[in-house]
PDB file of N, CA and C in Angstrom:
ATOM      1  N   UNK A   1     -84.929  23.926  36.433  1.00  0.00           N
ATOM      2  CA  UNK A   1     -86.183  22.623  36.657  1.00  0.00           C
ATOM      3  C   UNK A   1     -86.937  23.497  37.671  1.00  0.00           C
ATOM      4  N   UNK A   2     -88.124  23.297  37.303  1.00  0.00           N
ATOM      5  CA  UNK A   2     -89.177  23.866  38.168  1.00  0.00           C
ATOM      6  C   UNK A   2     -89.701  22.612  39.324  1.00  0.00           C
ATOM      7  N   UNK A   3     -89.681  23.040  40.293  1.00  0.00           N
ATOM      8  CA  UNK A   3     -90.526  22.112  41.150  1.00  0.00           C
ATOM      9  C   UNK A   3     -91.593  22.651  42.446  1.00  0.00           C
ATOM     10  N   UNK A   4     -92.119  21.871  43.525  1.00  0.00           N
ATOM     11  CA  UNK A   4     -92.880  22.593  43.943  1.00  0.00           C
ATOM     12  C   UNK A   4     -91.857  22.852  45.320  1.00  0.00           C
ATOM     13  N   UNK A   5     -92.443  23.456  46.053  1.00  0.00           N
ATOM     14  CA  UNK A   5     -91.759  24.180  47.537  1.00  0.00           C
ATOM     15  C   UNK A   5     -91.360  22.778  48.484  1.00  0.00           C
ATOM     16  N   UNK A   6     -92.568  21.934  48.408  1.00  0.00           N
ATOM     17  CA  UNK A   6     -92.299  20.568  49.527  1.00  0.00           C
ATOM     18  C   UNK A   6     -91.339  20.268  48.600  1.00  0.00           C
ATOM     19  N   UNK A   7     -91.105  19.693  47.230  1.00  0.00           N
ATOM     20  CA  UNK A   7     -90.173  18.914  46.595  1.00  0.00           C
ATOM     21  C   UNK A   7     -88.455  19.747  46.808  1.00  0.00           C
ATOM     22  N   UNK A   8     -88.848  20.697  46.704  1.00  0.00           N
ATOM     23  CA  UNK A   8     -87.261  21.271  47.041  1.00  0.00           C
ATOM     24  C   UNK A   8     -86.605  21.627  48.309  1.00  0.00           C
ATOM     25  N   UNK A   9     -87.618  21.724  49.579  1.00  0.00           N
ATOM     26  CA  UNK A   9     -87.503  21.374  50.771  1.00  0.00           C
ATOM     27  C   UNK A   9     -86.880  19.845  51.043  1.00  0.00           C
ATOM     28  N   UNK A  10     -87.412  19.107  50.282  1.00  0.00           N
ATOM     29  CA  UNK A  10     -87.333  17.562  50.422  1.00  0.00           C
ATOM     30  C   UNK A  10     -85.717  17.506  49.689  1.00  0.00           C
ATOM     31  N   UNK A  11     -85.550  18.353  48.968  1.00  0.00           N
ATOM     32  CA  UNK A  11     -84.507  17.546  48.044  1.00  0.00           C
ATOM     33  C   UNK A  11     -83.240  18.300  48.602  1.00  0.00           C
ATOM     34  N   UNK A  12     -83.402  19.881  49.447  1.00  0.00           N
ATOM     35  CA  UNK A  12     -82.349  20.439  50.129  1.00  0.00           C
ATOM     36  C   UNK A  12     -82.047  19.750  51.593  1.00  0.00           C
ATOM     37  N   UNK A  13     -83.019  19.028  52.612  1.00  0.00           N
ATOM     38  CA  UNK A  13     -82.624  18.279  53.833  1.00  0.00           C
ATOM     39  C   UNK A  13     -82.230  17.124  53.247  1.00  0.00           C
ATOM     40  N   UNK A  14     -81.807  15.973  52.330  1.00  0.00           N
ATOM     41  CA  UNK A  14     -81.655  15.106  51.887  1.00  0.00           C
ATOM     42  C   UNK A  14     -80.060  15.235  50.788  1.00  0.00           C
ATOM     43  N   UNK A  15     -79.520  16.642  51.114  1.00  0.00           N
ATOM     44  CA  UNK A  15     -78.538  17.077  50.744  1.00  0.00           C
ATOM     45  C   UNK A  15     -77.231  16.661  51.671  1.00  0.00           C
ATOM     46  N   UNK A  16     -77.571  16.159  52.429  1.00  0.00           N
ATOM     47  CA  UNK A  16     -76.675  16.559  54.030  1.00  0.00           C
ATOM     48  C   UNK A  16     -75.350  16.142  53.674  1.00  0.00           C
ATOM     49  N   UNK A  17     -74.492  16.650  53.722  1.00  0.00           N
ATOM     50  CA  UNK A  17     -73.057  16.747  53.094  1.00  0.00           C
ATOM     51  C   UNK A  17     -72.510  17.769  52.356  1.00  0.00           C
ATOM     52  N   UNK A  18     -73.755  17.604  50.822  1.00  0.00           N
ATOM     53  CA  UNK A  18     -73.402  17.999  49.895  1.00  0.00           C
ATOM     54  C   UNK A  18     -73.167  19.877  50.294  1.00  0.00           C
ATOM     55  N   UNK A  19     -72.369  20.560  49.222  1.00  0.00           N
ATOM     56  CA  UNK A  19     -72.653  22.236  49.483  1.00  0.00           C
ATOM     57  C   UNK A  19     -73.959  22.324  48.284  1.00  0.00           C
ATOM     58  N   UNK A  20     -73.965  23.273  49.106  1.00  0.00           N
ATOM     59  CA  UNK A  20     -75.534  23.867  48.051  1.00  0.00           C
ATOM     60  C   UNK A  20     -75.731  25.594  48.124  1.00  0.00           C
ATOM     61  N   UNK A  21     -76.307  25.675  47.342  1.00  0.00           N
ATOM     62  CA  UNK A  21     -76.381  27.586  47.562  1.00  0.00           C
ATOM     63  C   UNK A  21     -78.121  27.787  47.064  1.00  0.00           C
ATOM     64  N   UNK A  22     -78.454  28.405  48.132  1.00  0.00           N
ATOM     65  CA  UNK A  22     -79.725  28.498  48.368  1.00  0.00           C
ATOM     66  C   UNK A  22     -80.589  29.870  48.545  1.00  0.00           C
ATOM     67  N   UNK A  23     -81.425  30.158  47.550  1.00  0.00           N
ATOM     68  CA  UNK A  23     -81.819  31.789  47.325  1.00  0.00           C
ATOM     69  C   UNK A  23     -83.329  31.646  47.985  1.00  0.00           C
ATOM     70  N   UNK A  24     -83.311  32.671  49.278  1.00  0.00           N
ATOM     71  CA  UNK A  24     -84.473  32.568  50.061  1.00  0.00           C
ATOM     72  C   UNK A  24     -84.952  33.962  49.816  1.00  0.00           C
ATOM     73  N   UNK A  25     -86.146  34.729  50.722  1.00  0.00           N
ATOM     74  CA  UNK A  25     -86.472  35.554  51.533  1.00  0.00           C
ATOM     75  C   UNK A  25     -86.748  35.503  52.174  1.00  0.00           C
ATOM     76  N   UNK A  26     -85.913  36.832  53.209  1.00  0.00           N
ATOM     77  CA  UNK A  26     -85.571  36.528  54.550  1.00  0.00           C
ATOM     78  C   UNK A  26     -86.580  36.861  54.984  1.00  0.00           C
ATOM     79  N   UNK A  27     -86.640  36.903  56.488  1.00  0.00           N
ATOM     80  CA  UNK A  27     -88.288  37.332  57.494  1.00  0.00           C
ATOM     81  C   UNK A  27     -88.443  38.375  56.935  1.00  0.00           C
ATOM     82  N   UNK A  28     -87.653  39.531  56.777  1.00  0.00           N
ATOM     83  CA  UNK A  28     -87.569  40.933  56.894  1.00  0.00           C
ATOM     84  C   UNK A  28     -87.999  41.312  55.522  1.00  0.00           C
ATOM     85  N   UNK A  29     -88.305  40.695  54.801  1.00  0.00           N
ATOM     86  CA  UNK A  29     -88.760  40.632  52.664  1.00  0.00           C
ATOM     87  C   UNK A  29     -87.190  40.445  51.914  1.00  0.00           C
ATOM     88  N   UNK A  30     -86.207  40.956  52.876  1.00  0.00           N
ATOM     89  CA  UNK A  30     -84.721  40.627  51.665  1.00  0.00           C
ATOM     90  C   UNK A  30     -84.382  39.533  51.373  1.00  0.00           C
ATOM     91  N   UNK A  31     -83.966  39.459  49.898  1.00  0.00           N
ATOM     92  CA  UNK A  31     -83.723  38.410  49.401  1.00  0.00           C
ATOM     93  C   UNK A  31     -81.946  38.369  49.974  1.00  0.00           C
ATOM     94  N   UNK A  32     -81.761  36.591  50.111  1.00  0.00           N
ATOM     95  CA  UNK A  32     -80.254  36.249  50.196  1.00  0.00           C
ATOM     96  C   UNK A  32     -80.169  34.891  49.175  1.00  0.00           C
ATOM     97  N   UNK A  33     -78.681  35.034  49.118  1.00  0.00           N
ATOM     98  CA  UNK A  33     -77.971  33.421  48.688  1.00  0.00           C
ATOM     99  C   UNK A  33     -76.933  33.104  49.607  1.00  0.00           C
ATOM    100  N   UNK A  34     -77.627  31.999  50.180  1.00  0.00           N
ATOM    101  CA  UNK A  34     -76.653  31.245  51.143  1.00  0.00           C
ATOM    102  C   UNK A  34     -76.013  30.036  50.147  1.00  0.00           C
ATOM    103  N   UNK A  35     -74.141  29.952  50.393  1.00  0.00           N
ATOM    104  CA  UNK A  35     -73.644  28.703  50.228  1.00  0.00           C
ATOM    105  C   UNK A  35     -73.067  28.526  51.393  1.00  0.00           C
ATOM    106  N   UNK A  36     -73.724  27.143  51.339  1.00  0.00           N
ATOM    107  CA  UNK A  36     -73.373  26.444  52.794  1.00  0.00           C
ATOM    108  C   UNK A  36     -73.776  24.859  53.020  1.00  0.00           C
ATOM    109  N   UNK A  37     -73.867  23.893  54.070  1.00  0.00           N
ATOM    110  CA  UNK A  37     -73.920  22.774  53.840  1.00  0.00           C
ATOM    111  C   UNK A  37     -75.207  22.343  55.212  1.00  0.00           C
ATOM    112  N   UNK A  38     -75.962  20.936  54.491  1.00  0.00           N
ATOM    113  CA  UNK A  38     -77.208  20.636  55.678  1.00  0.00           C
ATOM    114  C   UNK A  38     -76.114  20.043  56.734  1.00  0.00           C
ATOM    115  N   UNK A  39     -76.426  19.479  57.852  1.00  0.00           N
ATOM    116  CA  UNK A  39     -76.077  18.583  58.819  1.00  0.00           C
ATOM    117  C   UNK A  39     -74.836  18.548  59.357  1.00  0.00           C
ATOM    118  N   UNK A  40     -74.692  19.521  59.894  1.00  0.00           N
ATOM    119  CA  UNK A  40     -73.109  19.936  60.001  1.00  0.00           C
ATOM    120  C   UNK A  40     -73.314  19.695  61.276  1.00  0.00           C
ATOM    121  N   UNK A  41     -72.777  19.201  62.071  1.00  0.00           N
ATOM    122  CA  UNK A  41     -72.163  19.137  63.713  1.00  0.00           C
ATOM    123  C   UNK A  41     -71.157  19.585  64.337  1.00  0.00           C
ATOM    124  N   UNK A  42     -70.229  19.796  63.936  1.00  0.00           N
ATOM    125  CA  UNK A  42     -69.024  20.520  64.240  1.00  0.00           C
ATOM    126  C   UNK A  42     -69.410  21.789  65.026  1.00  0.00           C
ATOM    127  N   UNK A  43     -68.395  21.941  65.671  1.00  0.00           N
ATOM    128  CA  UNK A  43     -68.710  23.513  66.222  1.00  0.00           C
ATOM    129  C   UNK A  43     -69.948  23.845  67.541  1.00  0.00           C
ATOM    130  N   UNK A  44     -70.990  22.857  67.364  1.00  0.00           N
ATOM    131  CA  UNK A  44     -71.919  22.906  68.340  1.00  0.00           C
ATOM    132  C   UNK A  44     -72.138  22.669  69.423  1.00  0.00           C
ATOM    133  N   UNK A  45     -72.508  23.506  70.089  1.00  0.00           N
ATOM    134  CA  UNK A  45     -71.994  23.488  71.598  1.00  0.00           C
ATOM    135  C   UNK A  45     -73.047  22.646  72.351  1.00  0.00           C
ATOM    136  N   UNK A  46     -74.442  22.577  72.255  1.00  0.00           N
ATOM    137  CA  UNK A  46     -74.926  22.129  72.528  1.00  0.00           C
ATOM    138  C   UNK A  46     -76.361  22.836  73.759  1.00  0.00           C
ATOM    139  N   UNK A  47     -75.707  24.492  73.763  1.00  0.00           N
ATOM    140  CA  UNK A  47     -76.514  25.023  74.787  1.00  0.00           C
ATOM    141  C   UNK A  47     -77.437  25.557  74.080  1.00  0.00           C
ATOM    142  N   UNK A  48     -77.879  26.033  72.820  1.00  0.00           N
ATOM    143  CA  UNK A  48     -79.095  26.470  71.888  1.00  0.00           C
ATOM    144  C   UNK A  48     -80.026  25.680  72.233  1.00  0.00           C
ATOM    145  N   UNK A  49     -81.147  26.519  71.417  1.00  0.00           N
ATOM    146  CA  UNK A  49     -82.516  25.267  71.521  1.00  0.00           C
ATOM    147  C   UNK A  49     -81.822  24.505  70.259  1.00  0.00           C
ATOM    148  N   UNK A  50     -82.288  23.005  70.272  1.00  0.00           N
ATOM    149  CA  UNK A  50     -82.232  22.532  68.885  1.00  0.00           C
ATOM    150  C   UNK A  50     -83.637  23.017  67.815  1.00  0.00           C
ATOM    151  N   UNK A  51     -82.983  22.342  66.684  1.00  0.00           N
ATOM    152  CA  UNK A  51     -83.818  22.542  65.508  1.00  0.00           C
ATOM    153  C   UNK A  51     -84.798  21.712  65.449  1.00  0.00           C
ATOM    154  N   UNK A  52     -85.011  21.021  66.071  1.00  0.00           N
ATOM    155  CA  UNK A  52     -86.351  19.807  65.759  1.00  0.00           C
ATOM    156  C   UNK A  52     -87.304  20.459  66.814  1.00  0.00           C
ATOM    157  N   UNK A  53     -86.962  21.821  67.224  1.00  0.00           N
ATOM    158  CA  UNK A  53     -88.687  22.757  68.189  1.00  0.00           C
ATOM    159  C   UNK A  53     -88.796  23.419  67.344  1.00  0.00           C
ATOM    160  N   UNK A  54     -88.625  23.850  65.795  1.00  0.00           N
ATOM    161  CA  UNK A  54     -88.488  24.426  65.076  1.00  0.00           C
ATOM    162  C   UNK A  54     -89.024  24.059  63.198  1.00  0.00           C
ATOM    163  N   UNK A  55     -90.113  23.301  63.213  1.00  0.00           N
ATOM    164  CA  UNK A  55     -90.348  22.429  62.085  1.00  0.00           C
ATOM    165  C   UNK A  55     -90.150  23.398  60.876  1.00  0.00           C
ATOM    166  N   UNK A  56     -90.352  24.844  60.716  1.00  0.00           N
ATOM    167  CA  UNK A  56     -90.783  25.401  59.725  1.00  0.00           C
ATOM    168  C   UNK A  56     -89.393  26.457  59.295  1.00  0.00           C
ATOM    169  N   UNK A  57     -88.036  25.508  60.219  1.00  0.00           N
ATOM    170  CA  UNK A  57     -86.856  25.741  59.849  1.00  0.00           C
ATOM    171  C   UNK A  57     -86.229  24.993  59.427  1.00  0.00           C
ATOM    172  N   UNK A  58     -84.892  25.445  58.410  1.00  0.00           N
ATOM    173  CA  UNK A  58     -83.799  24.169  58.102  1.00  0.00           C
ATOM    174  C   UNK A  58     -82.807  25.292  58.538  1.00  0.00           C
ATOM    175  N   UNK A  59     -81.696  24.037  59.111  1.00  0.00           N
ATOM    176  CA  UNK A  59     -80.432  24.690  59.637  1.00  0.00           C
ATOM    177  C   UNK A  59     -79.381  24.488  58.843  1.00  0.00           C
ATOM    178  N   UNK A  60     -78.478  25.722  58.378  1.00  0.00           N
ATOM    179  CA  UNK A  60     -77.381  25.336  57.357  1.00  0.00           C
ATOM    180  C   UNK A  60     -76.593  26.209  58.327  1.00  0.00           C
ATOM    181  N   UNK A  61     -75.133  25.424  57.755  1.00  0.00           N
ATOM    182  CA  UNK A  61     -73.814  26.122  58.326  1.00  0.00           C
ATOM    183  C   UNK A  61     -73.595  26.804  57.026  1.00  0.00           C
ATOM    184  N   UNK A  62     -73.285  28.276  56.779  1.00  0.00           N
ATOM    185  CA  UNK A  62     -72.755  29.418  55.994  1.00  0.00           C
ATOM    186  C   UNK A  62     -71.347  29.131  55.608  1.00  0.00           C
ATOM    187  N   UNK A  63     -70.839  28.758  54.751  1.00  0.00           N
ATOM    188  CA  UNK A  63     -69.532  28.461  54.484  1.00  0.00           C
ATOM    189  C   UNK A  63     -68.479  29.707  54.387  1.00  0.00           C
ATOM    190  N   UNK A  64     -69.518  30.897  53.453  1.00  0.00           N
ATOM    191  CA  UNK A  64     -68.633  31.904  53.517  1.00  0.00           C
ATOM    192  C   UNK A  64     -68.736  32.764  55.238  1.00  0.00           C
ATOM    193  N   UNK A  65     -69.395  32.810  55.712  1.00  0.00           N
ATOM    194  CA  UNK A  65     -69.282  32.826  56.881  1.00  0.00           C
ATOM    195  C   UNK A  65     -68.225  32.816  57.839  1.00  0.00           C
ATOM    196  N   UNK A  66     -68.490  31.203  57.720  1.00  0.00           N
ATOM    197  CA  UNK A  66     -67.062  29.877  58.423  1.00  0.00           C
ATOM    198  C   UNK A  66     -65.785  30.811  57.817  1.00  0.00           C
ATOM    199  N   UNK A  67     -65.769  31.140  56.500  1.00  0.00           N
ATOM    200  CA  UNK A  67     -64.601  31.299  55.976  1.00  0.00           C
ATOM    201  C   UNK A  67     -64.027  33.040  56.687  1.00  0.00           C
ATOM    202  N   UNK A  68     -65.228  33.625  56.801  1.00  0.00           N
ATOM    203  CA  UNK A  68     -64.925  35.481  56.904  1.00  0.00           C
ATOM    204  C   UNK A  68     -64.110  35.239  58.355  1.00  0.00           C
ATOM    205  N   UNK A  69     -64.777  34.477  59.245  1.00  0.00           N
ATOM    206  CA  UNK A  69     -64.493  34.135  60.484  1.00  0.00           C
ATOM    207  C   UNK A  69     -63.869  33.120  61.215  1.00  0.00           C
ATOM    208  N   UNK A  70     -62.580  32.968  60.519  1.00  0.00           N
ATOM    209  CA  UNK A  70     -61.798  31.695  61.040  1.00  0.00           C
ATOM    210  C   UNK A  70     -61.644  31.546  62.660  1.00  0.00           C
ATOM    211  N   UNK A  71     -61.546  32.039  63.431  1.00  0.00           N
ATOM    212  CA  UNK A  71     -61.362  32.150  64.854  1.00  0.00           C
ATOM    213  C   UNK A  71     -62.804  31.703  65.443  1.00  0.00           C
ATOM    214  N   UNK A  72     -64.266  32.056  64.712  1.00  0.00           N
ATOM    215  CA  UNK A  72     -65.686  31.490  65.401  1.00  0.00           C
ATOM    216  C   UNK A  72     -66.453  31.046  64.681  1.00  0.00           C
ATOM    217  N   UNK A  73     -65.645  29.818  63.843  1.00  0.00           N
ATOM    218  CA  UNK A  73     -66.774  28.748  63.240  1.00  0.00           C
ATOM    219  C   UNK A  73     -67.888  28.645  63.537  1.00  0.00           C
ATOM    220  N   UNK A  74     -68.202  28.820  64.896  1.00  0.00           N
ATOM    221  CA  UNK A  74     -69.414  28.547  65.513  1.00  0.00           C
ATOM    222  C   UNK A  74     -70.638  29.033  65.313  1.00  0.00           C
ATOM    223  N   UNK A  75     -70.110  30.193  64.696  1.00  0.00           N
ATOM    224  CA  UNK A  75     -70.991  31.690  64.444  1.00  0.00           C
ATOM    225  C   UNK A  75     -71.615  31.521  63.020  1.00  0.00           C
ATOM    226  N   UNK A  76     -71.201  30.835  61.734  1.00  0.00           N
ATOM    227  CA  UNK A  76     -71.579  30.199  60.968  1.00  0.00           C
ATOM    228  C   UNK A  76     -73.215  29.689  60.833  1.00  0.00           C
ATOM    229  N   UNK A  77     -73.644  29.403  61.872  1.00  0.00           N
ATOM    230  CA  UNK A  77     -74.797  28.628  61.647  1.00  0.00           C
ATOM    231  C   UNK A  77     -75.946  29.631  61.221  1.00  0.00           C
ATOM    232  N   UNK A  78     -76.676  28.943  60.035  1.00  0.00           N
ATOM    233  CA  UNK A  78     -78.033  30.131  60.030  1.00  0.00           C
ATOM    234  C   UNK A  78     -79.502  29.037  59.890  1.00  0.00           C
ATOM    235  N   UNK A  79     -80.394  30.063  60.186  1.00  0.00           N
ATOM    236  CA  UNK A  79     -81.552  29.485  59.661  1.00  0.00           C
ATOM    237  C   UNK A  79     -82.740  29.794  58.504  1.00  0.00           C
ATOM    238  N   UNK A  80     -82.909  29.176  57.743  1.00  0.00           N
ATOM    239  CA  UNK A  80     -83.777  29.842  56.611  1.00  0.00           C
ATOM    240  C   UNK A  80     -85.254  29.250  56.799  1.00  0.00           C
ATOM    241  N   UNK A  81     -86.412  29.991  56.728  1.00  0.00           N
ATOM    242  CA  UNK A  81     -87.487  29.550  56.428  1.00  0.00           C
ATOM    243  C   UNK A  81     -87.891  28.575  55.491  1.00  0.00           C
ATOM    244  N   UNK A  82     -88.558  27.545  55.613  1.00  0.00           N
ATOM    245  CA  UNK A  82     -89.155  26.499  54.164  1.00  0.00           C
ATOM    246  C   UNK A  82     -89.578  27.660  53.528  1.00  0.00           C
ATOM    247  N   UNK A  83     -90.885  28.424  54.199  1.00  0.00           N
ATOM    248  CA  UNK A  83     -91.467  28.737  53.214  1.00  0.00           C
ATOM    249  C   UNK A  83     -91.157  29.796  52.564  1.00  0.00           C
ATOM    250  N   UNK A  84     -89.560  30.657  52.593  1.00  0.00           N
ATOM    251  CA  UNK A  84     -89.267  31.630  51.826  1.00  0.00           C
ATOM    252  C   UNK A  84     -88.288  31.178  50.759  1.00  0.00           C
ATOM    253  N   UNK A  85     -88.493  30.087  50.819  1.00  0.00           N
ATOM    254  CA  UNK A  85     -87.161  29.444  49.846  1.00  0.00           C
ATOM    255  C   UNK A  85     -87.792  29.473  48.498  1.00  0.00           C
ATOM    256  N   UNK A  86     -86.804  30.129  47.298  1.00  0.00           N
ATOM    257  CA  UNK A  86     -87.382  30.395  46.113  1.00  0.00           C
ATOM    258  C   UNK A  86     -86.741  29.812  45.211  1.00  0.00           C
ATOM    259  N   UNK A  87     -85.253  28.893  44.964  1.00  0.00           N
ATOM    260  CA  UNK A  87     -84.381  28.454  44.241  1.00  0.00           C
ATOM    261  C   UNK A  87     -82.764  27.614  45.426  1.00  0.00           C
ATOM    262  N   UNK A  88     -82.583  26.464  44.677  1.00  0.00           N
ATOM    263  CA  UNK A  88     -81.275  25.904  44.990  1.00  0.00           C
ATOM    264  C   UNK A  88     -80.795  25.348  43.981  1.00  0.00           C
ATOM    265  N   UNK A  89     -79.407  25.731  44.102  1.00  0.00           N
ATOM    266  CA  UNK A  89     -78.477  24.736  43.268  1.00  0.00           C
ATOM    267  C   UNK A  89     -77.813  23.531  44.232  1.00  0.00           C
ATOM    268  N   UNK A  90     -78.277  22.154  43.736  1.00  0.00           N
ATOM    269  CA  UNK A  90     -77.745  20.982  44.518  1.00  0.00           C
ATOM    270  C   UNK A  90     -76.837  20.072  43.570  1.00  0.00           C
ATOM    271  N   UNK A  91     -76.006  19.879  43.895  1.00  0.00           N
ATOM    272  CA  UNK A  91     -75.151  19.104  42.517  1.00  0.00           C
ATOM    273  C   UNK A  91     -75.323  19.209  41.265  1.00  0.00           C
ATOM    274  N   UNK A  92     -74.871  20.595  41.077  1.00  0.00           N
ATOM    275  CA  UNK A  92     -74.980  20.959  39.377  1.00  0.00           C
ATOM    276  C   UNK A  92     -76.146  20.754  39.221  1.00  0.00           C
ATOM    277  N   UNK A  93     -77.383  20.450  39.742  1.00  0.00           N
ATOM    278  CA  UNK A  93     -79.069  21.219  39.237  1.00  0.00           C
ATOM    279  C   UNK A  93     -79.430  21.772  39.631  1.00  0.00           C
ATOM    280  N   UNK A  94     -80.390  23.048  39.212  1.00  0.00           N
ATOM    281  CA  UNK A  94     -80.615  24.401  39.565  1.00  0.00           C
ATOM    282  C   UNK A  94     -82.389  24.177  39.673  1.00  0.00           C
ATOM    283  N   UNK A  95     -82.897  24.620  40.670  1.00  0.00           N
ATOM    284  CA  UNK A  95     -83.835  24.176  40.820  1.00  0.00           C
ATOM    285  C   UNK A  95     -84.606  25.596  41.332  1.00  0.00           C
ATOM    286  N   UNK A  96     -86.241  25.675  41.153  1.00  0.00           N
ATOM    287  CA  UNK A  96     -86.545  26.680  40.585  1.00  0.00           C
ATOM    288  C   UNK A  96     -88.101  26.594  41.536  1.00  0.00           C
ATOM    289  N   UNK A  97     -88.841  27.393  42.827  1.00  0.00           N
ATOM    290  CA  UNK A  97     -90.237  26.933  43.324  1.00  0.00           C
ATOM    291  C   UNK A  97     -90.925  27.539  41.933  1.00  0.00           C
ATOM    292  N   UNK A  98     -91.900  26.633  41.716  1.00  0.00           N
ATOM    293  CA  UNK A  98     -92.971  27.305  40.778  1.00  0.00           C
ATOM    294  C   UNK A  98     -93.813  28.505  41.163  1.00  0.00           C
ATOM    295  N   UNK A  99     -94.313  28.989  40.214  1.00  0.00           N
ATOM    296  CA  UNK A  99     -95.395  29.781  41.065  1.00  0.00           C
ATOM    297  C   UNK A  99     -96.809  28.943  40.844  1.00  0.00           C
TER     298      UNK A  99
END
């Protein structure tokens, strides 16, 4: 299903608690697929900068990275640029940003 980037970002941010897969373009131009959850607060120490200071980013907990490093789950938090998101799969529905 093709949607606008704003609609897809809204669907991603409203998916808190669901496991989602997001395809996005990284800052260096590389493509990445991330499997994770939005809104995870476990393992947050509170010593870093809050995500509310960065409205152009979405914070996501990378489940694959957390599984690879079970002794350090706090290292699995990542941030995606909203303008880099190209596709997502949320609750069994695939979305793509329309060109």
